[in-house]
Amino acid sequence: MADFNKAIEKTLVNEGGYVNDPSDRGGETNYGISKRSYPNVDIQNLTVADAKEIYKRDYWDRLRADEIGSQQVAFELFDTAVNMGVRTASKLIQGCVGSHPDGVIGNMTLQSINNVDEELLLLRFKLAKVARYTYLAKKRPANRKYLLGWINRALEA
């Protein structure tokens, strides 16, 4: 089964440190934790340990990632949830495995994730992420400056 500690290190590298980009709807952000999502957290002084605790509780556990057999699939799902939100990431992977896209990883979705060919699932999921990022850039022109970075993140192995 997948291991949170292996996944979180790569995600923290992807997310980087403190930024306060006025174009980012999340606002002030540190290690990918945004003020918009966590208004009561001191974002500027957030520690790595605090970020890991939030990611484990609010992302990894909600995705039931410990129950995913493939470390790579679990990482991709988790990292996508960090970037797009748990519900959106869940819906994307549900669409890739033929589950009803309700945004909640339940028993049927887990079974489908664990029974599908890993390589095929990862390919479908990467393409679904690229399509989602493209949609976001078309919908909100201010997002276009993030598009190449988002696509690179979606396609990295």
N, C-alpha and C. Protein backbone atom coordinates (compact mmCIF):
# COMPACT_ATOMS: atom_id res chain seq x y z
N MET A 1 0.83 -1.18 0.00
CA MET A 1 0.00 0.00 0.00
C MET A 1 0.88 1.25 0.00
N ALA A 2 0.30 2.34 -0.45
CA ALA A 2 1.04 3.59 -0.63
C ALA A 2 1.44 4.21 0.71
N ASP A 3 2.51 4.97 0.68
CA ASP A 3 3.11 5.57 1.87
C ASP A 3 3.10 7.09 1.76
N PHE A 4 2.41 7.75 2.68
CA PHE A 4 2.33 9.21 2.71
C PHE A 4 3.71 9.87 2.74
N ASN A 5 4.62 9.34 3.56
CA ASN A 5 5.93 9.96 3.73
C ASN A 5 6.73 10.00 2.44
N LYS A 6 6.54 9.03 1.58
CA LYS A 6 7.22 9.06 0.28
C LYS A 6 6.59 10.10 -0.64
N ALA A 7 5.28 10.24 -0.58
CA ALA A 7 4.57 11.17 -1.46
C ALA A 7 4.77 12.62 -1.06
N ILE A 8 4.76 12.90 0.22
CA ILE A 8 4.76 14.29 0.68
C ILE A 8 6.05 15.01 0.31
N GLU A 9 7.16 14.34 0.33
CA GLU A 9 8.44 15.00 0.04
C GLU A 9 8.44 15.57 -1.38
N LYS A 10 7.96 14.80 -2.34
CA LYS A 10 7.93 15.27 -3.73
C LYS A 10 6.93 16.42 -3.90
N THR A 11 5.79 16.32 -3.23
CA THR A 11 4.79 17.38 -3.31
C THR A 11 5.33 18.68 -2.71
N LEU A 12 6.03 18.59 -1.60
CA LEU A 12 6.59 19.81 -0.99
C LEU A 12 7.60 20.48 -1.92
N VAL A 13 8.35 19.69 -2.68
CA VAL A 13 9.27 20.27 -3.67
C VAL A 13 8.46 20.99 -4.75
N ASN A 14 7.39 20.36 -5.22
CA ASN A 14 6.53 20.98 -6.24
C ASN A 14 5.91 22.28 -5.74
N GLU A 15 5.52 22.31 -4.50
CA GLU A 15 4.81 23.46 -3.95
C GLU A 15 5.73 24.60 -3.54
N GLY A 16 6.96 24.30 -3.19
CA GLY A 16 7.90 25.36 -2.81
C GLY A 16 7.55 25.99 -1.48
N GLY A 17 8.02 27.20 -1.28
CA GLY A 17 7.83 27.91 -0.01
C GLY A 17 6.79 29.00 -0.10
N TYR A 18 7.04 30.06 0.63
CA TYR A 18 6.08 31.15 0.78
C TYR A 18 6.00 32.01 -0.47
N VAL A 19 4.77 32.29 -0.91
CA VAL A 19 4.51 33.24 -2.00
C VAL A 19 3.21 33.99 -1.70
N ASN A 20 3.14 35.20 -2.23
CA ASN A 20 1.92 35.99 -2.10
C ASN A 20 1.68 36.66 -3.45
N ASP A 21 1.26 35.87 -4.42
CA ASP A 21 1.04 36.31 -5.80
C ASP A 21 -0.37 36.88 -5.92
N PRO A 22 -0.52 38.16 -6.26
CA PRO A 22 -1.84 38.75 -6.36
C PRO A 22 -2.73 38.10 -7.42
N SER A 23 -2.14 37.42 -8.39
CA SER A 23 -2.92 36.74 -9.43
C SER A 23 -3.45 35.39 -8.98
N ASP A 24 -2.91 34.87 -7.89
CA ASP A 24 -3.31 33.55 -7.39
C ASP A 24 -4.53 33.70 -6.50
N ARG A 25 -5.62 33.04 -6.89
CA ARG A 25 -6.86 33.14 -6.12
C ARG A 25 -6.74 32.61 -4.71
N GLY A 26 -5.75 31.74 -4.48
CA GLY A 26 -5.53 31.21 -3.13
C GLY A 26 -4.94 32.24 -2.19
N GLY A 27 -4.38 33.29 -2.78
CA GLY A 27 -3.77 34.34 -1.96
C GLY A 27 -2.44 33.88 -1.39
N GLU A 28 -2.15 34.37 -0.23
CA GLU A 28 -0.91 34.04 0.47
C GLU A 28 -0.82 32.51 0.62
N THR A 29 0.33 31.94 0.24
CA THR A 29 0.49 30.49 0.21
C THR A 29 1.88 30.11 0.71
N ASN A 30 1.94 29.00 1.46
CA ASN A 30 3.22 28.46 1.92
C ASN A 30 3.14 26.95 1.87
N TYR A 31 4.11 26.34 1.20
CA TYR A 31 4.12 24.88 0.99
C TYR A 31 2.83 24.41 0.33
N GLY A 32 2.19 25.29 -0.43
CA GLY A 32 0.94 24.94 -1.10
C GLY A 32 -0.30 25.12 -0.25
N ILE A 33 -0.15 25.49 1.00
CA ILE A 33 -1.29 25.73 1.90
C ILE A 33 -1.68 27.20 1.74
N SER A 34 -2.92 27.44 1.33
CA SER A 34 -3.33 28.81 1.02
C SER A 34 -4.17 29.43 2.13
N LYS A 35 -4.06 30.73 2.23
CA LYS A 35 -4.85 31.50 3.20
C LYS A 35 -6.34 31.36 2.91
N ARG A 36 -6.69 31.28 1.64
CA ARG A 36 -8.10 31.15 1.26
C ARG A 36 -8.70 29.86 1.84
N SER A 37 -7.95 28.78 1.77
CA SER A 37 -8.44 27.50 2.28
C SER A 37 -8.28 27.37 3.79
N TYR A 38 -7.29 28.05 4.34
CA TYR A 38 -7.00 27.96 5.78
C TYR A 38 -6.87 29.37 6.37
N PRO A 39 -7.99 30.09 6.49
CA PRO A 39 -7.93 31.49 6.93
C PRO A 39 -7.42 31.68 8.35
N ASN A 40 -7.48 30.65 9.18
CA ASN A 40 -7.04 30.78 10.57
C ASN A 40 -5.60 30.33 10.79
N VAL A 41 -4.90 29.98 9.72
CA VAL A 41 -3.51 29.54 9.82
C VAL A 41 -2.59 30.71 9.49
N ASP A 42 -1.53 30.86 10.27
CA ASP A 42 -0.50 31.87 10.00
C ASP A 42 0.36 31.34 8.85
N ILE A 43 -0.03 31.65 7.64
CA ILE A 43 0.58 31.09 6.44
C ILE A 43 2.06 31.44 6.34
N GLN A 44 2.41 32.66 6.60
CA GLN A 44 3.81 33.08 6.45
C GLN A 44 4.74 32.30 7.37
N ASN A 45 4.27 31.93 8.55
CA ASN A 45 5.11 31.23 9.52
C ASN A 45 4.80 29.74 9.61
N LEU A 46 4.08 29.22 8.63
CA LEU A 46 3.75 27.80 8.60
C LEU A 46 5.03 26.96 8.50
N THR A 47 5.13 25.93 9.32
CA THR A 47 6.30 25.06 9.27
C THR A 47 6.03 23.87 8.35
N VAL A 48 7.08 23.20 7.95
CA VAL A 48 6.94 21.99 7.14
C VAL A 48 6.12 20.95 7.91
N ALA A 49 6.38 20.82 9.20
CA ALA A 49 5.64 19.85 10.01
C ALA A 49 4.15 20.17 10.02
N ASP A 50 3.81 21.46 10.14
CA ASP A 50 2.40 21.87 10.11
C ASP A 50 1.78 21.55 8.75
N ALA A 51 2.51 21.85 7.68
CA ALA A 51 2.00 21.57 6.33
C ALA A 51 1.78 20.08 6.15
N LYS A 52 2.71 19.25 6.60
CA LYS A 52 2.56 17.80 6.49
C LYS A 52 1.32 17.31 7.24
N GLU A 53 1.09 17.87 8.40
CA GLU A 53 -0.09 17.47 9.19
C GLU A 53 -1.39 17.80 8.44
N ILE A 54 -1.44 19.00 7.86
CA ILE A 54 -2.62 19.40 7.08
C ILE A 54 -2.79 18.49 5.87
N TYR A 55 -1.70 18.23 5.16
CA TYR A 55 -1.78 17.39 3.96
C TYR A 55 -2.20 15.96 4.29
N LYS A 56 -1.71 15.43 5.39
CA LYS A 56 -2.08 14.06 5.76
C LYS A 56 -3.57 13.99 6.10
N ARG A 57 -4.02 14.88 6.94
CA ARG A 57 -5.40 14.87 7.43
C ARG A 57 -6.42 15.25 6.35
N ASP A 58 -6.14 16.36 5.64
CA ASP A 58 -7.16 16.93 4.75
C ASP A 58 -7.06 16.49 3.30
N TYR A 59 -5.98 15.84 2.94
CA TYR A 59 -5.79 15.41 1.55
C TYR A 59 -5.59 13.89 1.48
N TRP A 60 -4.46 13.42 1.97
CA TRP A 60 -4.12 12.00 1.87
C TRP A 60 -5.21 11.11 2.46
N ASP A 61 -5.63 11.40 3.68
CA ASP A 61 -6.64 10.57 4.34
C ASP A 61 -8.00 10.65 3.65
N ARG A 62 -8.39 11.83 3.19
CA ARG A 62 -9.67 11.97 2.47
C ARG A 62 -9.66 11.20 1.17
N LEU A 63 -8.49 11.06 0.56
CA LEU A 63 -8.35 10.31 -0.68
C LEU A 63 -8.24 8.80 -0.44
N ARG A 64 -8.09 8.43 0.82
CA ARG A 64 -7.89 7.03 1.20
C ARG A 64 -6.66 6.46 0.49
N ALA A 65 -5.66 7.30 0.35
CA ALA A 65 -4.48 6.95 -0.43
C ALA A 65 -3.69 5.79 0.18
N ASP A 66 -3.78 5.59 1.49
CA ASP A 66 -3.12 4.44 2.12
C ASP A 66 -3.64 3.12 1.55
N GLU A 67 -4.84 3.15 0.99
CA GLU A 67 -5.46 1.93 0.47
C GLU A 67 -5.20 1.71 -1.02
N ILE A 68 -4.43 2.58 -1.63
CA ILE A 68 -4.09 2.44 -3.05
C ILE A 68 -2.82 1.59 -3.15
N GLY A 69 -2.87 0.58 -3.99
CA GLY A 69 -1.76 -0.36 -4.11
C GLY A 69 -0.52 0.22 -4.76
N SER A 70 -0.67 1.14 -5.67
CA SER A 70 0.45 1.73 -6.40
C SER A 70 0.90 3.03 -5.75
N GLN A 71 2.15 3.09 -5.37
CA GLN A 71 2.70 4.33 -4.79
C GLN A 71 2.60 5.47 -5.80
N GLN A 72 2.88 5.19 -7.07
CA GLN A 72 2.85 6.24 -8.09
C GLN A 72 1.44 6.77 -8.31
N VAL A 73 0.46 5.90 -8.37
CA VAL A 73 -0.93 6.34 -8.54
C VAL A 73 -1.35 7.16 -7.33
N ALA A 74 -1.02 6.69 -6.13
CA ALA A 74 -1.37 7.43 -4.91
C ALA A 74 -0.72 8.81 -4.92
N PHE A 75 0.56 8.86 -5.31
CA PHE A 75 1.25 10.15 -5.36
C PHE A 75 0.57 11.09 -6.36
N GLU A 76 0.30 10.59 -7.55
CA GLU A 76 -0.33 11.43 -8.59
C GLU A 76 -1.68 11.97 -8.13
N LEU A 77 -2.47 11.12 -7.51
CA LEU A 77 -3.78 11.55 -7.01
C LEU A 77 -3.62 12.59 -5.91
N PHE A 78 -2.74 12.33 -4.96
CA PHE A 78 -2.48 13.25 -3.85
C PHE A 78 -1.95 14.59 -4.36
N ASP A 79 -0.94 14.55 -5.22
CA ASP A 79 -0.34 15.78 -5.72
C ASP A 79 -1.35 16.60 -6.52
N THR A 80 -2.21 15.92 -7.25
CA THR A 80 -3.26 16.62 -8.00
C THR A 80 -4.26 17.25 -7.05
N ALA A 81 -4.60 16.55 -5.98
CA ALA A 81 -5.52 17.10 -4.99
C ALA A 81 -4.94 18.35 -4.33
N VAL A 82 -3.65 18.34 -4.08
CA VAL A 82 -2.98 19.51 -3.50
C VAL A 82 -3.10 20.69 -4.46
N ASN A 83 -2.98 20.43 -5.73
CA ASN A 83 -2.98 21.50 -6.73
C ASN A 83 -4.38 21.91 -7.16
N MET A 84 -5.33 20.96 -7.22
CA MET A 84 -6.67 21.25 -7.75
C MET A 84 -7.79 21.12 -6.73
N GLY A 85 -7.51 20.50 -5.61
CA GLY A 85 -8.53 20.22 -4.63
C GLY A 85 -8.89 18.73 -4.64
N VAL A 86 -9.29 18.24 -3.48
CA VAL A 86 -9.59 16.81 -3.31
C VAL A 86 -10.74 16.38 -4.20
N ARG A 87 -11.82 17.14 -4.23
CA ARG A 87 -12.98 16.74 -5.03
C ARG A 87 -12.67 16.70 -6.52
N THR A 88 -11.98 17.71 -7.01
CA THR A 88 -11.64 17.74 -8.43
C THR A 88 -10.71 16.59 -8.80
N ALA A 89 -9.67 16.37 -8.01
CA ALA A 89 -8.74 15.27 -8.27
C ALA A 89 -9.48 13.93 -8.24
N SER A 90 -10.37 13.78 -7.28
CA SER A 90 -11.15 12.54 -7.16
C SER A 90 -12.04 12.34 -8.38
N LYS A 91 -12.70 13.39 -8.83
CA LYS A 91 -13.54 13.28 -10.02
C LYS A 91 -12.71 12.92 -11.25
N LEU A 92 -11.54 13.51 -11.38
CA LEU A 92 -10.70 13.21 -12.53
C LEU A 92 -10.29 11.74 -12.56
N ILE A 93 -9.85 11.22 -11.42
CA ILE A 93 -9.42 9.82 -11.43
C ILE A 93 -10.62 8.88 -11.56
N GLN A 94 -11.76 9.28 -11.01
CA GLN A 94 -12.97 8.47 -11.19
C GLN A 94 -13.34 8.35 -12.66
N GLY A 95 -13.21 9.46 -13.38
CA GLY A 95 -13.49 9.42 -14.81
C GLY A 95 -12.52 8.50 -15.55
N CYS A 96 -11.29 8.43 -15.05
CA CYS A 96 -10.26 7.60 -15.70
C CYS A 96 -10.47 6.10 -15.47
N VAL A 97 -11.16 5.75 -14.38
CA VAL A 97 -11.37 4.33 -14.08
C VAL A 97 -12.81 3.89 -14.32
N GLY A 98 -13.64 4.81 -14.80
CA GLY A 98 -15.03 4.45 -15.12
C GLY A 98 -15.97 4.45 -13.93
N SER A 99 -15.57 5.06 -12.81
CA SER A 99 -16.46 5.19 -11.65
C SER A 99 -17.32 6.44 -11.80
N HIS A 100 -18.42 6.48 -11.07
CA HIS A 100 -19.27 7.67 -11.07
C HIS A 100 -18.47 8.83 -10.46
N PRO A 101 -18.30 9.94 -11.20
CA PRO A 101 -17.48 11.05 -10.72
C PRO A 101 -18.20 11.94 -9.70
N ASP A 102 -18.28 11.45 -8.46
CA ASP A 102 -18.95 12.22 -7.41
C ASP A 102 -17.97 12.99 -6.53
N GLY A 103 -16.66 12.79 -6.75
CA GLY A 103 -15.66 13.54 -6.00
C GLY A 103 -15.31 12.95 -4.66
N VAL A 104 -15.79 11.73 -4.38
CA VAL A 104 -15.49 11.06 -3.12
C VAL A 104 -14.90 9.69 -3.44
N ILE A 105 -13.73 9.42 -2.88
CA ILE A 105 -13.10 8.12 -3.11
C ILE A 105 -13.73 7.11 -2.15
N GLY A 106 -14.58 6.27 -2.72
CA GLY A 106 -15.24 5.23 -1.93
C GLY A 106 -14.71 3.86 -2.29
N ASN A 107 -15.36 2.84 -1.76
CA ASN A 107 -14.91 1.46 -1.97
C ASN A 107 -14.86 1.07 -3.45
N MET A 108 -15.89 1.45 -4.20
CA MET A 108 -15.93 1.08 -5.61
C MET A 108 -14.81 1.76 -6.40
N THR A 109 -14.58 3.03 -6.12
CA THR A 109 -13.50 3.74 -6.80
C THR A 109 -12.15 3.14 -6.44
N LEU A 110 -11.94 2.85 -5.15
CA LEU A 110 -10.67 2.23 -4.73
C LEU A 110 -10.46 0.90 -5.43
N GLN A 111 -11.50 0.11 -5.51
CA GLN A 111 -11.39 -1.19 -6.18
C GLN A 111 -11.01 -0.99 -7.65
N SER A 112 -11.65 -0.03 -8.29
CA SER A 112 -11.34 0.25 -9.70
C SER A 112 -9.90 0.74 -9.86
N ILE A 113 -9.47 1.65 -9.00
CA ILE A 113 -8.09 2.16 -9.06
C ILE A 113 -7.10 1.02 -8.91
N ASN A 114 -7.36 0.14 -7.97
CA ASN A 114 -6.42 -0.94 -7.68
C ASN A 114 -6.47 -2.09 -8.69
N ASN A 115 -7.51 -2.14 -9.51
CA ASN A 115 -7.64 -3.24 -10.47
C ASN A 115 -7.30 -2.84 -11.90
N VAL A 116 -7.13 -1.58 -12.18
CA VAL A 116 -6.83 -1.14 -13.54
C VAL A 116 -5.32 -1.19 -13.76
N ASP A 117 -4.91 -1.34 -14.99
CA ASP A 117 -3.50 -1.33 -15.33
C ASP A 117 -2.88 0.01 -14.92
N GLU A 118 -1.83 -0.05 -14.11
CA GLU A 118 -1.21 1.16 -13.55
C GLU A 118 -0.73 2.12 -14.65
N GLU A 119 -0.02 1.60 -15.62
CA GLU A 119 0.52 2.45 -16.68
C GLU A 119 -0.59 3.15 -17.46
N LEU A 120 -1.64 2.42 -17.79
CA LEU A 120 -2.77 3.00 -18.52
C LEU A 120 -3.49 4.05 -17.67
N LEU A 121 -3.68 3.76 -16.40
CA LEU A 121 -4.34 4.72 -15.51
C LEU A 121 -3.51 6.00 -15.39
N LEU A 122 -2.22 5.87 -15.22
CA LEU A 122 -1.38 7.06 -15.09
C LEU A 122 -1.41 7.90 -16.36
N LEU A 123 -1.41 7.26 -17.50
CA LEU A 123 -1.50 7.99 -18.77
C LEU A 123 -2.83 8.73 -18.88
N ARG A 124 -3.92 8.04 -18.61
CA ARG A 124 -5.24 8.68 -18.68
C ARG A 124 -5.34 9.85 -17.70
N PHE A 125 -4.81 9.64 -16.50
CA PHE A 125 -4.90 10.66 -15.46
C PHE A 125 -4.09 11.90 -15.84
N LYS A 126 -2.90 11.70 -16.40
CA LYS A 126 -2.08 12.83 -16.83
C LYS A 126 -2.81 13.63 -17.92
N LEU A 127 -3.41 12.94 -18.86
CA LEU A 127 -4.16 13.62 -19.92
C LEU A 127 -5.37 14.38 -19.36
N ALA A 128 -6.04 13.78 -18.40
CA ALA A 128 -7.19 14.44 -17.78
C ALA A 128 -6.75 15.71 -17.05
N LYS A 129 -5.59 15.66 -16.42
CA LYS A 129 -5.07 16.85 -15.72
C LYS A 129 -4.72 17.95 -16.71
N VAL A 130 -4.06 17.59 -17.80
CA VAL A 130 -3.71 18.59 -18.81
C VAL A 130 -4.98 19.23 -19.37
N ALA A 131 -6.00 18.43 -19.64
CA ALA A 131 -7.27 18.98 -20.14
C ALA A 131 -7.88 19.93 -19.12
N ARG A 132 -7.84 19.58 -17.85
CA ARG A 132 -8.40 20.44 -16.79
C ARG A 132 -7.63 21.76 -16.70
N TYR A 133 -6.31 21.69 -16.74
CA TYR A 133 -5.49 22.90 -16.67
C TYR A 133 -5.75 23.81 -17.88
N THR A 134 -5.89 23.21 -19.04
CA THR A 134 -6.18 23.99 -20.25
C THR A 134 -7.52 24.70 -20.12
N TYR A 135 -8.51 23.98 -19.60
CA TYR A 135 -9.82 24.58 -19.36
C TYR A 135 -9.70 25.78 -18.40
N LEU A 136 -8.94 25.61 -17.32
CA LEU A 136 -8.79 26.70 -16.34
C LEU A 136 -8.12 27.92 -16.95
N ALA A 137 -7.16 27.70 -17.84
CA ALA A 137 -6.48 28.82 -18.49
C ALA A 137 -7.40 29.52 -19.48
N LYS A 138 -8.26 28.78 -20.15
CA LYS A 138 -9.22 29.40 -21.07
C LYS A 138 -10.29 30.16 -20.31
N LYS A 139 -10.74 29.59 -19.21
CA LYS A 139 -11.82 30.18 -18.42
C LYS A 139 -11.39 31.48 -17.74
N ARG A 140 -10.16 31.53 -17.28
CA ARG A 140 -9.66 32.70 -16.55
C ARG A 140 -8.29 33.08 -17.12
N PRO A 141 -8.24 34.10 -17.97
CA PRO A 141 -6.99 34.48 -18.63
C PRO A 141 -5.81 34.71 -17.68
N ALA A 142 -6.07 35.15 -16.45
CA ALA A 142 -4.97 35.36 -15.49
C ALA A 142 -4.26 34.05 -15.16
N ASN A 143 -4.93 32.92 -15.38
CA ASN A 143 -4.32 31.61 -15.11
C ASN A 143 -3.33 31.18 -16.19
N ARG A 144 -3.33 31.86 -17.31
CA ARG A 144 -2.48 31.43 -18.42
C ARG A 144 -1.00 31.43 -18.06
N LYS A 145 -0.61 32.31 -17.16
CA LYS A 145 0.81 32.35 -16.78
C LYS A 145 1.23 31.10 -16.00
N TYR A 146 0.27 30.36 -15.47
CA TYR A 146 0.57 29.14 -14.73
C TYR A 146 0.52 27.89 -15.61
N LEU A 147 -0.04 28.00 -16.81
CA LEU A 147 -0.37 26.83 -17.62
C LEU A 147 0.84 25.94 -17.90
N LEU A 148 1.94 26.49 -18.35
CA LEU A 148 3.10 25.65 -18.67
C LEU A 148 3.60 24.91 -17.42
N GLY A 149 3.66 25.59 -16.30
CA GLY A 149 4.08 24.95 -15.05
C GLY A 149 3.13 23.84 -14.64
N TRP A 150 1.83 24.10 -14.78
CA TRP A 150 0.83 23.07 -14.46
C TRP A 150 0.99 21.85 -15.36
N ILE A 151 1.18 22.09 -16.64
CA ILE A 151 1.33 20.97 -17.59
C ILE A 151 2.60 20.19 -17.28
N ASN A 152 3.68 20.88 -17.01
CA ASN A 152 4.92 20.19 -16.64
C ASN A 152 4.72 19.33 -15.40
N ARG A 153 4.01 19.87 -14.42
CA ARG A 153 3.74 19.10 -13.19
C ARG A 153 2.88 17.88 -13.50
N ALA A 154 1.88 18.05 -14.35
CA ALA A 154 0.99 16.94 -14.70
C ALA A 154 1.74 15.82 -15.41
N LEU A 155 2.73 16.18 -16.20
CA LEU A 155 3.42 15.18 -17.03
C LEU A 155 4.67 14.58 -16.38
N GLU A 156 5.13 15.16 -15.30
CA GLU A 156 6.35 14.62 -14.69
C GLU A 156 6.11 13.22 -14.14
N ALA A 157 7.15 12.45 -14.12
CA ALA A 157 7.02 11.05 -13.68
C ALA A 157 7.35 10.91 -12.22
